[in-house]
Amino acid sequence: MSVQQRLTRFGTVTEFDEPMGLGVVTDEAGVEHPFHCTAIADGSRDIAVGTPVSFRLAPARGGRHEAVDLQPR
């Protein structure tokens, strides 16, 4: 894992589809990162749009990255 992937980032949940368990967090630079509900650190599987969060990036399919370890701030 690279140093970049271990760094904690900050952003806001900008989309969340509860039935599908998929969402998007937009970081402070305006870059969107997808996430799955299993990436929510407290295990709740649900997070409100507009929630400020900290997160890390991890490799995902297709050479992309996804947000993991989402924690409300």
N, C-alpha and C. Protein backbone atom coordinates (compact mmCIF):
# COMPACT_ATOMS: atom_id res chain seq x y z
N MET A 1 0.86 -1.18 0.00
CA MET A 1 0.00 0.00 0.00
C MET A 1 0.90 1.23 0.00
N SER A 2 0.59 2.19 -0.87
CA SER A 2 1.41 3.39 -0.96
C SER A 2 1.09 4.34 0.19
N VAL A 3 2.00 5.29 0.40
CA VAL A 3 1.78 6.31 1.43
C VAL A 3 0.49 7.07 1.14
N GLN A 4 0.23 7.36 -0.13
CA GLN A 4 -0.98 8.10 -0.54
C GLN A 4 -2.24 7.38 -0.05
N GLN A 5 -2.28 6.05 -0.13
CA GLN A 5 -3.46 5.29 0.25
C GLN A 5 -3.66 5.24 1.76
N ARG A 6 -2.60 5.42 2.52
CA ARG A 6 -2.71 5.38 3.98
C ARG A 6 -3.13 6.73 4.56
N LEU A 7 -2.97 7.81 3.81
CA LEU A 7 -3.28 9.14 4.31
C LEU A 7 -4.77 9.32 4.56
N THR A 8 -5.08 9.92 5.67
CA THR A 8 -6.47 10.24 5.96
C THR A 8 -6.86 11.47 5.16
N ARG A 9 -8.02 11.40 4.54
CA ARG A 9 -8.56 12.51 3.75
C ARG A 9 -9.84 12.97 4.41
N PHE A 10 -10.30 14.13 4.01
CA PHE A 10 -11.53 14.69 4.55
C PHE A 10 -12.45 15.09 3.41
N GLY A 11 -13.74 14.92 3.62
CA GLY A 11 -14.71 15.27 2.60
C GLY A 11 -16.12 15.22 3.15
N THR A 12 -17.08 15.18 2.22
CA THR A 12 -18.49 15.18 2.56
C THR A 12 -19.20 14.14 1.71
N VAL A 13 -20.12 13.41 2.32
CA VAL A 13 -20.93 12.45 1.58
C VAL A 13 -21.86 13.26 0.68
N THR A 14 -21.74 13.07 -0.64
CA THR A 14 -22.54 13.85 -1.59
C THR A 14 -23.64 13.03 -2.25
N GLU A 15 -23.54 11.70 -2.15
CA GLU A 15 -24.58 10.82 -2.68
C GLU A 15 -24.60 9.56 -1.83
N PHE A 16 -25.79 9.01 -1.61
CA PHE A 16 -25.90 7.70 -0.97
C PHE A 16 -27.22 7.07 -1.35
N ASP A 17 -27.15 5.89 -1.98
CA ASP A 17 -28.32 5.12 -2.37
C ASP A 17 -28.44 3.97 -1.37
N GLU A 18 -29.31 4.13 -0.38
CA GLU A 18 -29.42 3.15 0.70
C GLU A 18 -29.78 1.75 0.20
N PRO A 19 -30.77 1.59 -0.71
CA PRO A 19 -31.10 0.24 -1.16
C PRO A 19 -29.92 -0.48 -1.84
N MET A 20 -29.11 0.26 -2.57
CA MET A 20 -27.96 -0.35 -3.25
C MET A 20 -26.72 -0.38 -2.36
N GLY A 21 -26.68 0.48 -1.33
CA GLY A 21 -25.53 0.54 -0.45
C GLY A 21 -24.33 1.24 -1.06
N LEU A 22 -24.58 2.05 -2.08
CA LEU A 22 -23.49 2.74 -2.77
C LEU A 22 -23.57 4.23 -2.55
N GLY A 23 -22.40 4.86 -2.45
CA GLY A 23 -22.37 6.29 -2.25
C GLY A 23 -21.14 6.92 -2.85
N VAL A 24 -21.08 8.24 -2.70
CA VAL A 24 -19.95 9.03 -3.19
C VAL A 24 -19.57 10.01 -2.09
N VAL A 25 -18.27 10.11 -1.83
CA VAL A 25 -17.77 11.15 -0.95
C VAL A 25 -16.91 12.07 -1.80
N THR A 26 -17.12 13.37 -1.64
CA THR A 26 -16.35 14.37 -2.38
C THR A 26 -15.32 14.95 -1.43
N ASP A 27 -14.04 14.86 -1.82
CA ASP A 27 -12.99 15.33 -0.94
C ASP A 27 -12.86 16.85 -0.99
N GLU A 28 -11.96 17.39 -0.18
CA GLU A 28 -11.80 18.84 -0.06
C GLU A 28 -11.36 19.50 -1.37
N ALA A 29 -10.76 18.71 -2.28
CA ALA A 29 -10.33 19.24 -3.58
C ALA A 29 -11.42 19.12 -4.63
N GLY A 30 -12.58 18.56 -4.25
CA GLY A 30 -13.69 18.41 -5.18
C GLY A 30 -13.67 17.12 -5.98
N VAL A 31 -12.78 16.20 -5.63
CA VAL A 31 -12.68 14.92 -6.33
C VAL A 31 -13.66 13.93 -5.69
N GLU A 32 -14.43 13.24 -6.53
CA GLU A 32 -15.42 12.29 -6.05
C GLU A 32 -14.81 10.89 -5.94
N HIS A 33 -15.13 10.21 -4.83
CA HIS A 33 -14.65 8.85 -4.60
C HIS A 33 -15.85 7.98 -4.23
N PRO A 34 -16.08 6.89 -4.96
CA PRO A 34 -17.19 6.01 -4.63
C PRO A 34 -16.89 5.22 -3.36
N PHE A 35 -17.95 4.75 -2.70
CA PHE A 35 -17.79 3.86 -1.56
C PHE A 35 -18.98 2.93 -1.46
N HIS A 36 -18.78 1.82 -0.77
CA HIS A 36 -19.85 0.87 -0.48
C HIS A 36 -20.18 0.99 1.00
N CYS A 37 -21.41 0.70 1.36
CA CYS A 37 -21.83 0.85 2.76
C CYS A 37 -20.97 0.05 3.73
N THR A 38 -20.32 -1.00 3.27
CA THR A 38 -19.45 -1.78 4.16
C THR A 38 -18.18 -1.00 4.52
N ALA A 39 -17.93 0.13 3.85
CA ALA A 39 -16.76 0.97 4.15
C ALA A 39 -17.02 1.94 5.29
N ILE A 40 -18.26 1.99 5.81
CA ILE A 40 -18.57 2.87 6.93
C ILE A 40 -18.00 2.22 8.19
N ALA A 41 -17.10 2.92 8.85
CA ALA A 41 -16.30 2.33 9.94
C ALA A 41 -17.11 1.80 11.11
N ASP A 42 -18.22 2.45 11.44
CA ASP A 42 -18.97 2.00 12.63
C ASP A 42 -19.90 0.82 12.34
N GLY A 43 -19.92 0.34 11.08
CA GLY A 43 -20.73 -0.81 10.73
C GLY A 43 -22.21 -0.52 10.54
N SER A 44 -22.60 0.77 10.52
CA SER A 44 -24.01 1.11 10.47
C SER A 44 -24.68 0.84 9.13
N ARG A 45 -23.93 0.81 8.04
CA ARG A 45 -24.44 0.55 6.68
C ARG A 45 -25.34 1.68 6.15
N ASP A 46 -25.38 2.82 6.83
CA ASP A 46 -26.19 3.95 6.38
C ASP A 46 -25.50 5.24 6.82
N ILE A 47 -25.50 6.23 5.92
CA ILE A 47 -24.89 7.53 6.25
C ILE A 47 -25.65 8.60 5.48
N ALA A 48 -25.90 9.71 6.11
CA ALA A 48 -26.70 10.77 5.49
C ALA A 48 -25.87 11.61 4.53
N VAL A 49 -26.50 12.01 3.43
CA VAL A 49 -25.89 12.96 2.51
C VAL A 49 -25.63 14.24 3.28
N GLY A 50 -24.46 14.83 3.07
CA GLY A 50 -24.08 16.05 3.77
C GLY A 50 -23.22 15.81 4.99
N THR A 51 -23.03 14.53 5.37
CA THR A 51 -22.21 14.21 6.53
C THR A 51 -20.74 14.45 6.23
N PRO A 52 -20.05 15.28 7.01
CA PRO A 52 -18.60 15.43 6.85
C PRO A 52 -17.91 14.17 7.38
N VAL A 53 -16.93 13.65 6.63
CA VAL A 53 -16.27 12.41 7.00
C VAL A 53 -14.76 12.49 6.81
N SER A 54 -14.07 11.61 7.51
CA SER A 54 -12.67 11.32 7.19
C SER A 54 -12.69 9.94 6.52
N PHE A 55 -11.70 9.68 5.67
CA PHE A 55 -11.65 8.41 4.95
C PHE A 55 -10.25 8.19 4.41
N ARG A 56 -10.02 6.98 3.93
CA ARG A 56 -8.78 6.63 3.23
C ARG A 56 -9.17 6.12 1.85
N LEU A 57 -8.20 6.02 0.96
CA LEU A 57 -8.44 5.44 -0.36
C LEU A 57 -7.81 4.06 -0.43
N ALA A 58 -8.49 3.17 -1.13
CA ALA A 58 -8.00 1.81 -1.34
C ALA A 58 -8.22 1.44 -2.80
N PRO A 59 -7.37 0.57 -3.35
CA PRO A 59 -7.55 0.14 -4.74
C PRO A 59 -8.90 -0.55 -4.93
N ALA A 60 -9.50 -0.30 -6.07
CA ALA A 60 -10.79 -0.93 -6.43
C ALA A 60 -10.65 -1.52 -7.83
N ARG A 61 -11.72 -2.08 -8.32
CA ARG A 61 -11.71 -2.67 -9.66
C ARG A 61 -11.42 -1.63 -10.73
N GLY A 62 -10.83 -2.09 -11.80
CA GLY A 62 -10.60 -1.23 -12.96
C GLY A 62 -9.52 -0.18 -12.75
N GLY A 63 -8.65 -0.39 -11.76
CA GLY A 63 -7.57 0.55 -11.54
C GLY A 63 -7.98 1.83 -10.82
N ARG A 64 -9.22 1.88 -10.39
CA ARG A 64 -9.72 3.05 -9.67
C ARG A 64 -9.47 2.89 -8.18
N HIS A 65 -9.84 3.91 -7.44
CA HIS A 65 -9.75 3.87 -5.98
C HIS A 65 -11.14 4.13 -5.41
N GLU A 66 -11.37 3.62 -4.21
CA GLU A 66 -12.63 3.88 -3.53
C GLU A 66 -12.35 4.33 -2.10
N ALA A 67 -13.30 5.04 -1.54
CA ALA A 67 -13.16 5.49 -0.16
C ALA A 67 -13.45 4.33 0.77
N VAL A 68 -12.63 4.20 1.82
CA VAL A 68 -12.83 3.17 2.84
C VAL A 68 -12.64 3.80 4.21
N ASP A 69 -13.06 3.10 5.23
CA ASP A 69 -12.92 3.55 6.61
C ASP A 69 -13.54 4.93 6.83
N LEU A 70 -14.76 5.12 6.29
CA LEU A 70 -15.47 6.39 6.46
C LEU A 70 -15.87 6.57 7.91
N GLN A 71 -15.51 7.72 8.46
CA GLN A 71 -15.85 8.03 9.85
C GLN A 71 -16.41 9.44 9.91
N PRO A 72 -17.63 9.59 10.41
CA PRO A 72 -18.19 10.95 10.57
C PRO A 72 -17.27 11.79 11.45
N ARG A 73 -17.15 13.08 11.10
CA ARG A 73 -16.29 13.98 11.88
C ARG A 73 -17.15 14.82 12.78
